């Protein structure tokens, strides 16, 4: 079985360089980072964005701000 991966470059218009700041357009690349599997035929491809550390948009799936928000929500549930 052959599996091919490719990165996707685009202009992201949801980049937020400052928490609570204005949204800006920035060059972004979404690329596969790793493949997870359990030994079965199902594989999960984990993608990432080159802007994830500098983006404070909590609504963006790839941003660090969204990851931190989801962690704080999980802690509140416990």
Protein backbone atom coordinates (compact mmCIF):
# COMPACT_ATOMS: atom_id res chain seq x y z
CA UNK A 1 0.00 0.00 0.00
CA UNK A 2 1.34 3.43 -0.95
CA UNK A 3 0.37 6.52 1.03
CA UNK A 4 1.22 9.97 -0.26
CA UNK A 5 1.13 13.15 1.82
CA UNK A 6 1.35 16.75 0.74
CA UNK A 7 1.30 20.13 2.43
CA UNK A 8 -1.21 22.83 1.53
CA UNK A 9 -0.07 26.47 1.35
CA UNK A 10 -2.67 29.25 1.37
CA UNK A 11 -3.45 32.74 2.64
CA UNK A 12 -5.09 32.41 6.06
CA UNK A 13 -7.42 35.36 6.73
CA UNK A 14 -8.09 34.24 10.32
CA UNK A 15 -4.59 34.82 11.76
CA UNK A 16 -4.74 36.77 15.03
CA UNK A 17 -1.23 37.81 16.13
CA UNK A 18 -2.40 39.47 19.36
CA UNK A 19 -4.98 38.03 21.75
CA UNK A 20 -8.22 39.96 21.20
CA UNK A 21 -6.65 41.81 18.26
CA UNK A 22 -7.76 42.22 14.67
CA UNK A 23 -7.71 39.28 12.27
CA UNK A 24 -5.03 39.49 9.60
CA UNK A 25 -4.08 37.61 6.46
CA UNK A 26 -0.86 35.58 6.66
CA UNK A 27 0.80 32.89 4.58
CA UNK A 28 0.05 29.52 6.17
CA UNK A 29 0.99 25.92 5.48
CA UNK A 30 -1.03 22.96 6.72
CA UNK A 31 1.12 19.83 6.63
CA UNK A 32 0.93 16.27 7.94
CA UNK A 33 2.97 15.88 11.14
CA UNK A 34 2.50 12.25 12.06
CA UNK A 35 0.40 9.17 11.49
CA UNK A 36 -1.20 7.32 14.39
CA UNK A 37 -2.44 3.77 14.23
CA UNK A 38 -3.41 0.95 16.53
CA UNK A 39 -2.16 -1.91 14.39
CA UNK A 40 -5.44 -2.18 12.51
CA UNK A 41 -6.20 -0.87 9.04
CA UNK A 42 -7.39 2.48 10.46
CA UNK A 43 -4.83 5.26 10.42
CA UNK A 44 -5.19 8.80 11.68
CA UNK A 45 -3.19 11.61 10.07
CA UNK A 46 -2.36 14.49 12.41
CA UNK A 47 -1.94 17.82 10.60
CA UNK A 48 -0.45 21.06 11.84
CA UNK A 49 -0.10 24.70 10.83
CA UNK A 50 3.11 26.70 10.71
CA UNK A 51 1.35 29.62 12.45
CA UNK A 52 0.01 27.65 15.44
CA UNK A 53 2.28 29.19 18.09
CA UNK A 54 1.82 32.79 16.98
CA UNK A 55 -1.94 32.66 16.36
CA UNK A 56 -4.27 33.67 19.19
CA UNK A 57 -7.51 32.89 17.36
CA UNK A 58 -9.37 30.59 19.73
CA UNK A 59 -11.75 29.57 16.95
CA UNK A 60 -8.99 28.12 14.75
CA UNK A 61 -8.58 24.37 15.09
CA UNK A 62 -4.80 24.56 14.55
CA UNK A 63 -3.90 27.47 16.85
CA UNK A 64 -2.22 27.06 20.23
CA UNK A 65 -4.89 29.36 21.70
CA UNK A 66 -7.62 26.89 20.75
CA UNK A 67 -5.66 24.03 22.33
CA UNK A 68 -5.20 25.99 25.55
CA UNK A 69 -8.90 26.91 25.59
CA UNK A 70 -9.95 23.28 25.19
CA UNK A 71 -7.59 22.25 28.01
CA UNK A 72 -9.05 24.88 30.35
CA UNK A 73 -12.60 23.76 29.48
CA UNK A 74 -11.66 20.14 30.26
CA UNK A 75 -10.20 21.18 33.63
CA UNK A 76 -13.41 23.05 34.53
CA UNK A 77 -15.47 19.92 33.77
CA UNK A 78 -13.46 17.85 36.27
